[in-house]
C-alpha atoms as a PDB file:
ATOM      1  CA  MET A   1     120.703  19.370  91.369  1.00  0.00           C
ATOM      2  CA  LYS A   2     120.170  19.565  95.131  1.00  0.00           C
ATOM      3  CA  MET A   3     116.943  20.914  96.584  1.00  0.00           C
ATOM      4  CA  ASP A   4     118.020  22.932  99.624  1.00  0.00           C
ATOM      5  CA  ASN A   5     114.674  24.541 100.382  1.00  0.00           C
ATOM      6  CA  SER A   6     113.708  23.291 103.843  1.00  0.00           C
ATOM      7  CA  TYR A   7     110.027  23.706 102.962  1.00  0.00           C
ATOM      8  CA  ALA A   8     110.260  21.642  99.769  1.00  0.00           C
ATOM      9  CA  VAL A   9     108.430  18.655 101.272  1.00  0.00           C
ATOM     10  CA  MET A  10     105.572  20.804 102.552  1.00  0.00           C
ATOM     11  CA  MET A  11     105.118  22.360  99.112  1.00  0.00           C
ATOM     12  CA  MET A  12     105.092  19.034  97.231  1.00  0.00           C
ATOM     13  CA  PRO A  13     101.765  17.943  95.706  1.00  0.00           C
ATOM     14  CA  LYS A  14      99.897  15.142  97.468  1.00  0.00           C
ATOM     15  CA  THR A  15     101.799  11.895  96.975  1.00  0.00           C
ATOM     16  CA  VAL A  16      99.755   9.392  94.993  1.00  0.00           C
ATOM     17  CA  LEU A  17     100.692   6.785  92.428  1.00  0.00           C
ATOM     18  CA  PRO A  18     100.025   7.919  88.837  1.00  0.00           C
ATOM     19  CA  ALA A  19      97.302   6.314  86.703  1.00  0.00           C
ATOM     20  CA  GLY A  20      98.356   2.910  85.414  1.00  0.00           C
ATOM     21  CA  ALA A  21     101.089   2.527  88.008  1.00  0.00           C
ATOM     22  CA  GLU A  22      99.620  -0.636  89.537  1.00  0.00           C
ATOM     23  CA  SER A  23      99.817  -2.445  86.185  1.00  0.00           C
ATOM     24  CA  TYR A  24     103.360  -1.231  85.668  1.00  0.00           C
ATOM     25  CA  LEU A  25     104.385  -2.436  89.146  1.00  0.00           C
ATOM     26  CA  HIS A  26     103.420  -6.010  88.151  1.00  0.00           C
ATOM     27  CA  LEU A  27     105.565  -5.736  85.034  1.00  0.00           C
ATOM     28  CA  LYS A  28     108.348  -4.191  87.083  1.00  0.00           C
ATOM     29  CA  ARG A  29     108.274  -7.131  89.509  1.00  0.00           C
ATOM     30  CA  ALA A  30     108.765  -9.568  86.620  1.00  0.00           C
ATOM     31  CA  GLY A  31     111.759  -7.536  85.486  1.00  0.00           C
ATOM     32  CA  ASP A  32     113.146  -7.477  89.028  1.00  0.00           C
ATOM     33  CA  ILE A  33     113.040 -11.274  89.226  1.00  0.00           C
ATOM     34  CA  LEU A  34     114.755 -11.786  85.875  1.00  0.00           C
ATOM     35  CA  LEU A  35     117.429  -9.103  86.268  1.00  0.00           C
ATOM     36  CA  SER A  36     118.268  -9.878  89.913  1.00  0.00           C
ATOM     37  CA  ALA A  37     118.681 -13.591  89.116  1.00  0.00           C
ATOM     38  CA  VAL A  38     121.011 -12.827  86.211  1.00  0.00           C
ATOM     39  CA  GLY A  39     122.750 -10.129  88.264  1.00  0.00           C
ATOM     40  CA  LEU A  40     123.499 -12.521  91.116  1.00  0.00           C
ATOM     41  CA  ILE A  41     125.149 -14.978  88.742  1.00  0.00           C
ATOM     42  CA  VAL A  42     127.280 -12.247  87.179  1.00  0.00           C
ATOM     43  CA  ALA A  43     128.098 -10.610  90.526  1.00  0.00           C
ATOM     44  CA  LEU A  44     129.062 -13.803  92.385  1.00  0.00           C
ATOM     45  CA  PRO A  45     132.779 -13.678  91.469  1.00  0.00           C
ATOM     46  CA  LEU A  46     133.017 -10.028  92.643  1.00  0.00           C
ATOM     47  CA  ILE A  47     131.221 -10.864  95.887  1.00  0.00           C
ATOM     48  CA  VAL A  48     133.617 -13.758  96.564  1.00  0.00           C
ATOM     49  CA  ILE A  49     136.757 -11.718  95.744  1.00  0.00           C
ATOM     50  CA  PHE A  50     135.795  -8.746  97.902  1.00  0.00           C
ATOM     51  CA  SER A  51     134.600 -11.008 100.718  1.00  0.00           C
ATOM     52  CA  ILE A  52     138.119 -12.389 100.920  1.00  0.00           C
ATOM     53  CA  LEU A  53     139.693  -8.894 100.780  1.00  0.00           C
ATOM     54  CA  ILE A  54     137.403  -7.650 103.555  1.00  0.00           C
ATOM     55  CA  MET A  55     138.325 -10.537 105.861  1.00  0.00           C
ATOM     56  CA  ILE A  56     142.029 -10.067 105.117  1.00  0.00           C
ATOM     57  CA  GLU A  57     141.909  -6.382 106.069  1.00  0.00           C
ATOM     58  CA  THR A  58     139.752  -6.636 109.189  1.00  0.00           C
ATOM     59  CA  PRO A  59     138.586  -9.512 111.410  1.00  0.00           C
ATOM     60  CA  GLY A  60     134.978 -10.638 111.287  1.00  0.00           C
ATOM     61  CA  SER A  61     132.422 -11.616 108.696  1.00  0.00           C
ATOM     62  CA  ALA A  62     132.613 -10.117 105.202  1.00  0.00           C
ATOM     63  CA  PHE A  63     128.866  -9.556 105.348  1.00  0.00           C
ATOM     64  CA  TYR A  64     126.589  -7.700 107.697  1.00  0.00           C
ATOM     65  CA  SER A  65     122.834  -7.632 107.884  1.00  0.00           C
ATOM     66  CA  GLN A  66     120.417  -5.025 109.157  1.00  0.00           C
ATOM     67  CA  VAL A  67     116.672  -4.772 109.537  1.00  0.00           C
ATOM     68  CA  ARG A  68     115.266  -2.215 107.120  1.00  0.00           C
ATOM     69  CA  VAL A  69     111.765  -0.841 106.510  1.00  0.00           C
ATOM     70  CA  GLY A  70     110.118  -1.763 103.221  1.00  0.00           C
ATOM     71  CA  LYS A  71     106.842  -1.166 101.442  1.00  0.00           C
ATOM     72  CA  ASP A  72     103.923  -0.300 103.748  1.00  0.00           C
ATOM     73  CA  GLY A  73     106.258  -0.431 106.758  1.00  0.00           C
ATOM     74  CA  LYS A  74     107.069  -4.128 106.389  1.00  0.00           C
ATOM     75  CA  LYS A  75     110.438  -4.901 107.966  1.00  0.00           C
ATOM     76  CA  PHE A  76     112.968  -7.185 106.299  1.00  0.00           C
ATOM     77  CA  ARG A  77     116.598  -8.165 106.782  1.00  0.00           C
ATOM     78  CA  MET A  78     119.015  -6.784 104.207  1.00  0.00           C
ATOM     79  CA  VAL A  79     122.544  -8.125 103.592  1.00  0.00           C
ATOM     80  CA  LYS A  80     125.505  -6.079 102.321  1.00  0.00           C
ATOM     81  CA  LEU A  81     129.244  -6.521 102.033  1.00  0.00           C
ATOM     82  CA  ARG A  82     130.787  -4.992 105.152  1.00  0.00           C
ATOM     83  CA  SER A  83     132.484  -1.657 104.425  1.00  0.00           C
ATOM     84  CA  MET A  84     133.074  -0.570 108.042  1.00  0.00           C
ATOM     85  CA  ARG A  85     134.978  -1.884 111.013  1.00  0.00           C
ATOM     86  CA  ILE A  86     133.215  -4.676 112.880  1.00  0.00           C
ATOM     87  CA  ASP A  87     132.720  -2.356 115.909  1.00  0.00           C
ATOM     88  CA  ALA A  88     131.410   0.579 113.847  1.00  0.00           C
ATOM     89  CA  GLU A  89     128.227   0.909 115.902  1.00  0.00           C
ATOM     90  CA  LYS A  90     129.389  -0.065 119.371  1.00  0.00           C
ATOM     91  CA  ALA A  91     128.064   3.312 120.569  1.00  0.00           C
ATOM     92  CA  GLY A  92     124.715   2.860 118.791  1.00  0.00           C
ATOM     93  CA  ALA A  93     123.208   3.569 115.383  1.00  0.00           C
ATOM     94  CA  LYS A  94     124.879   6.448 113.585  1.00  0.00           C
ATOM     95  CA  TRP A  95     124.064   8.186 110.297  1.00  0.00           C
ATOM     96  CA  ALA A  96     126.885   7.845 107.722  1.00  0.00           C
ATOM     97  CA  GLU A  97     128.956  10.994 107.243  1.00  0.00           C
ATOM     98  CA  ALA A  98     131.446  12.324 104.701  1.00  0.00           C
ATOM     99  CA  HIS A  99     134.929  10.776 105.136  1.00  0.00           C
ATOM    100  CA  ASP A 100     133.498   8.460 107.788  1.00  0.00           C
ATOM    101  CA  PRO A 101     136.462   7.149 109.838  1.00  0.00           C
ATOM    102  CA  ARG A 102     134.657   3.861 110.428  1.00  0.00           C
ATOM    103  CA  VAL A 103     135.005   2.923 106.739  1.00  0.00           C
ATOM    104  CA  THR A 104     137.901   0.594 105.895  1.00  0.00           C
ATOM    105  CA  ARG A 105     140.206   0.897 102.868  1.00  0.00           C
ATOM    106  CA  VAL A 106     138.428  -1.914 101.044  1.00  0.00           C
ATOM    107  CA  GLY A 107     135.184  -0.380 102.252  1.00  0.00           C
ATOM    108  CA  ARG A 108     135.918   2.913 100.515  1.00  0.00           C
ATOM    109  CA  LEU A 109     136.443   1.095  97.236  1.00  0.00           C
ATOM    110  CA  ILE A 110     133.303  -1.024  97.396  1.00  0.00           C
ATOM    111  CA  ARG A 111     131.236   1.992  98.464  1.00  0.00           C
ATOM    112  CA  LYS A 112     132.562   4.121  95.618  1.00  0.00           C
ATOM    113  CA  THR A 113     131.780   1.403  93.070  1.00  0.00           C
ATOM    114  CA  ARG A 114     128.616   0.261  94.913  1.00  0.00           C
ATOM    115  CA  ILE A 115     129.955  -3.296  95.030  1.00  0.00           C
ATOM    116  CA  ASP A 116     128.861  -3.433  98.693  1.00  0.00           C
ATOM    117  CA  GLU A 117     125.256  -3.311  97.467  1.00  0.00           C
ATOM    118  CA  LEU A 118     125.454  -6.451  95.282  1.00  0.00           C
ATOM    119  CA  PRO A 119     124.207  -8.943  97.939  1.00  0.00           C
ATOM    120  CA  GLN A 120     120.983  -6.913  98.067  1.00  0.00           C
ATOM    121  CA  LEU A 121     120.051  -8.572  94.788  1.00  0.00           C
ATOM    122  CA  ILE A 122     118.891 -11.413  97.058  1.00  0.00           C
ATOM    123  CA  SER A 123     116.367  -9.030  98.661  1.00  0.00           C
ATOM    124  CA  VAL A 124     115.184  -8.023  95.187  1.00  0.00           C
ATOM    125  CA  LEU A 125     114.754 -11.659  94.176  1.00  0.00           C
ATOM    126  CA  ARG A 126     112.802 -12.376  97.391  1.00  0.00           C
ATOM    127  CA  GLY A 127     110.483  -9.447  96.728  1.00  0.00           C
ATOM    128  CA  ASP A 128     111.482  -7.277  99.695  1.00  0.00           C
ATOM    129  CA  MET A 129     113.102  -4.751  97.371  1.00  0.00           C
ATOM    130  CA  SER A 130     112.995  -3.594  93.765  1.00  0.00           C
ATOM    131  CA  LEU A 131     115.922  -2.672  91.547  1.00  0.00           C
ATOM    132  CA  ILE A 132     114.643   0.923  91.525  1.00  0.00           C
ATOM    133  CA  GLY A 133     112.969   2.798  94.372  1.00  0.00           C
ATOM    134  CA  PRO A 134     113.683   4.795  97.549  1.00  0.00           C
ATOM    135  CA  ARG A 135     116.566   3.489  99.633  1.00  0.00           C
ATOM    136  CA  PRO A 136     115.371   1.378 102.588  1.00  0.00           C
ATOM    137  CA  GLU A 137     116.047   3.006 105.947  1.00  0.00           C
ATOM    138  CA  ARG A 138     116.555   1.404 109.324  1.00  0.00           C
ATOM    139  CA  PRO A 139     113.532   1.440 111.682  1.00  0.00           C
ATOM    140  CA  VAL A 140     115.230   3.792 114.160  1.00  0.00           C
ATOM    141  CA  PHE A 141     115.955   6.370 111.446  1.00  0.00           C
ATOM    142  CA  THR A 142     112.532   5.949 109.816  1.00  0.00           C
ATOM    143  CA  GLU A 143     110.833   6.850 113.097  1.00  0.00           C
ATOM    144  CA  GLN A 144     113.258   9.690 113.795  1.00  0.00           C
ATOM    145  CA  PHE A 145     112.813  11.217 110.332  1.00  0.00           C
ATOM    146  CA  GLU A 146     109.028  10.901 110.546  1.00  0.00           C
ATOM    147  CA  ARG A 147     109.124  12.953 113.745  1.00  0.00           C
ATOM    148  CA  ASP A 148     111.464  15.535 112.230  1.00  0.00           C
ATOM    149  CA  ILE A 149     109.890  15.541 108.752  1.00  0.00           C
ATOM    150  CA  PRO A 150     106.146  14.742 108.939  1.00  0.00           C
ATOM    151  CA  GLY A 151     105.183  12.672 105.898  1.00  0.00           C
ATOM    152  CA  PHE A 152     108.523  10.872 105.656  1.00  0.00           C
ATOM    153  CA  LYS A 153     106.733   7.506 105.708  1.00  0.00           C
ATOM    154  CA  ASN A 154     104.915   8.369 102.464  1.00  0.00           C
ATOM    155  CA  ARG A 155     108.003   7.045 100.703  1.00  0.00           C
ATOM    156  CA  LEU A 156     106.919   3.562 101.864  1.00  0.00           C
ATOM    157  CA  MET A 157     104.160   3.491  99.218  1.00  0.00           C
ATOM    158  CA  VAL A 158     106.495   1.546  96.922  1.00  0.00           C
ATOM    159  CA  LYS A 159     109.211  -1.047  97.445  1.00  0.00           C
ATOM    160  CA  PRO A 160     112.651   0.288  98.317  1.00  0.00           C
ATOM    161  CA  GLY A 161     115.313  -0.046  95.644  1.00  0.00           C
ATOM    162  CA  LEU A 162     118.970  -0.714  95.012  1.00  0.00           C
ATOM    163  CA  THR A 163     119.063   2.551  93.120  1.00  0.00           C
ATOM    164  CA  GLY A 164     116.596   5.393  92.702  1.00  0.00           C
ATOM    165  CA  LEU A 165     116.025   9.020  91.869  1.00  0.00           C
ATOM    166  CA  ALA A 166     117.548  10.267  95.124  1.00  0.00           C
ATOM    167  CA  GLN A 167     120.554   7.974  94.799  1.00  0.00           C
ATOM    168  CA  VAL A 168     121.465   9.293  91.338  1.00  0.00           C
ATOM    169  CA  SER A 169     120.711  12.905  92.312  1.00  0.00           C
ATOM    170  CA  GLY A 170     123.272  13.249  95.069  1.00  0.00           C
ATOM    171  CA  GLY A 171     123.348   9.931  96.907  1.00  0.00           C
ATOM    172  CA  TYR A 172     125.020  10.032 100.329  1.00  0.00           C
ATOM    173  CA  ASP A 173     125.496  13.803 100.070  1.00  0.00           C
ATOM    174  CA  LEU A 174     121.761  14.515 100.338  1.00  0.00           C
ATOM    175  CA  SER A 175     120.058  15.176 103.662  1.00  0.00           C
ATOM    176  CA  PRO A 176     117.051  13.006 104.644  1.00  0.00           C
ATOM    177  CA  ARG A 177     114.748  15.918 103.756  1.00  0.00           C
ATOM    178  CA  GLU A 178     116.302  16.296 100.305  1.00  0.00           C
ATOM    179  CA  LYS A 179     116.144  12.551  99.709  1.00  0.00           C
ATOM    180  CA  LEU A 180     112.470  12.560 100.633  1.00  0.00           C
ATOM    181  CA  VAL A 181     111.697  15.235  98.035  1.00  0.00           C
ATOM    182  CA  TYR A 182     113.242  13.061  95.328  1.00  0.00           C
ATOM    183  CA  ASP A 183     111.563   9.890  96.662  1.00  0.00           C
ATOM    184  CA  LEU A 184     108.112  11.478  96.588  1.00  0.00           C
ATOM    185  CA  GLU A 185     108.773  12.865  93.123  1.00  0.00           C
ATOM    186  CA  TYR A 186     109.673   9.345  91.985  1.00  0.00           C
ATOM    187  CA  ILE A 187     106.442   7.927  93.379  1.00  0.00           C
ATOM    188  CA  ARG A 188     104.304  10.618  91.740  1.00  0.00           C
ATOM    189  CA  LYS A 189     106.001  10.155  88.355  1.00  0.00           C
ATOM    190  CA  LEU A 190     106.515   6.371  88.473  1.00  0.00           C
ATOM    191  CA  SER A 191     106.810   5.105  84.887  1.00  0.00           C
ATOM    192  CA  PRO A 192     108.985   2.931  82.615  1.00  0.00           C
ATOM    193  CA  LYS A 193     110.519   6.098  81.156  1.00  0.00           C
ATOM    194  CA  LEU A 194     111.606   7.394  84.560  1.00  0.00           C
ATOM    195  CA  ASP A 195     113.025   4.014  85.576  1.00  0.00           C
ATOM    196  CA  PHE A 196     115.006   3.856  82.338  1.00  0.00           C
ATOM    197  CA  GLU A 197     116.432   7.329  82.976  1.00  0.00           C
ATOM    198  CA  ILE A 198     117.451   6.268  86.501  1.00  0.00           C
ATOM    199  CA  ILE A 199     119.201   3.161  85.144  1.00  0.00           C
ATOM    200  CA  ILE A 200     121.232   5.300  82.728  1.00  0.00           C
ATOM    201  CA  LYS A 201     122.170   7.721  85.511  1.00  0.00           C
ATOM    202  CA  THR A 202     123.050   4.779  87.791  1.00  0.00           C
ATOM    203  CA  ILE A 203     125.527   3.491  85.220  1.00  0.00           C
ATOM    204  CA  ARG A 204     127.143   6.934  85.172  1.00  0.00           C
ATOM    205  CA  VAL A 205     127.351   6.956  88.980  1.00  0.00           C
ATOM    206  CA  LEU A 206     128.966   3.503  88.972  1.00  0.00           C
ATOM    207  CA  LEU A 207     131.564   4.670  86.450  1.00  0.00           C
ATOM    208  CA  THR A 208     132.383   7.940  88.206  1.00  0.00           C
ATOM    209  CA  GLY A 209     131.811   7.095  91.881  1.00  0.00           C
ATOM    210  CA  GLU A 210     129.617  10.199  92.324  1.00  0.00           C
ATOM    211  CA  GLY A 211     127.936  10.521  95.713  1.00  0.00           C
ATOM    212  CA  ALA A 212     130.098   7.887  97.415  1.00  0.00           C
ATOM    213  CA  ARG A 213     130.882   8.241 101.109  1.00  0.00           C
END
């Protein structure tokens, strides 16, 4: 359910990791390594097939990389399957919008099924990301949102994730402020139980295409 209250962030309790979270994060990292390694092996055929389809539809590389902001503000380079035209940002960085005209036909499919995210398993394996956590934002948007929404950088207390509470609670349809409310809630309630619930909801999103843009 969306949180439309513009003062929701201000009213949130102080964002701190719950007791025992540090120990769980070590266990979570071990799970990230195992599952991302297995996931890459399983996902490789899909990545190859859609790489070919992307290059057939539009000229240019099937992949694109961007610098994103990770835990504690550390920047890293993230790779995804390209879902937009090669010149999508010729006028500068732009926030994705509903029915974005820059998205290709193959792009719509891989966004709806989240196949475009599969190469990010490499970032999980390297330790830049986790399977579950806040989505990593680009530096330009991180700085902009921090100016517009003081406290936005509190979401950098944990590693960004392939999926997360905000992603399964509205995904692309949520505003940055709404996403932040969910991200901070995730950090405050970090636990194996919550991560398991997010995994189940992620499977439902993958099957239904909810929140795709």
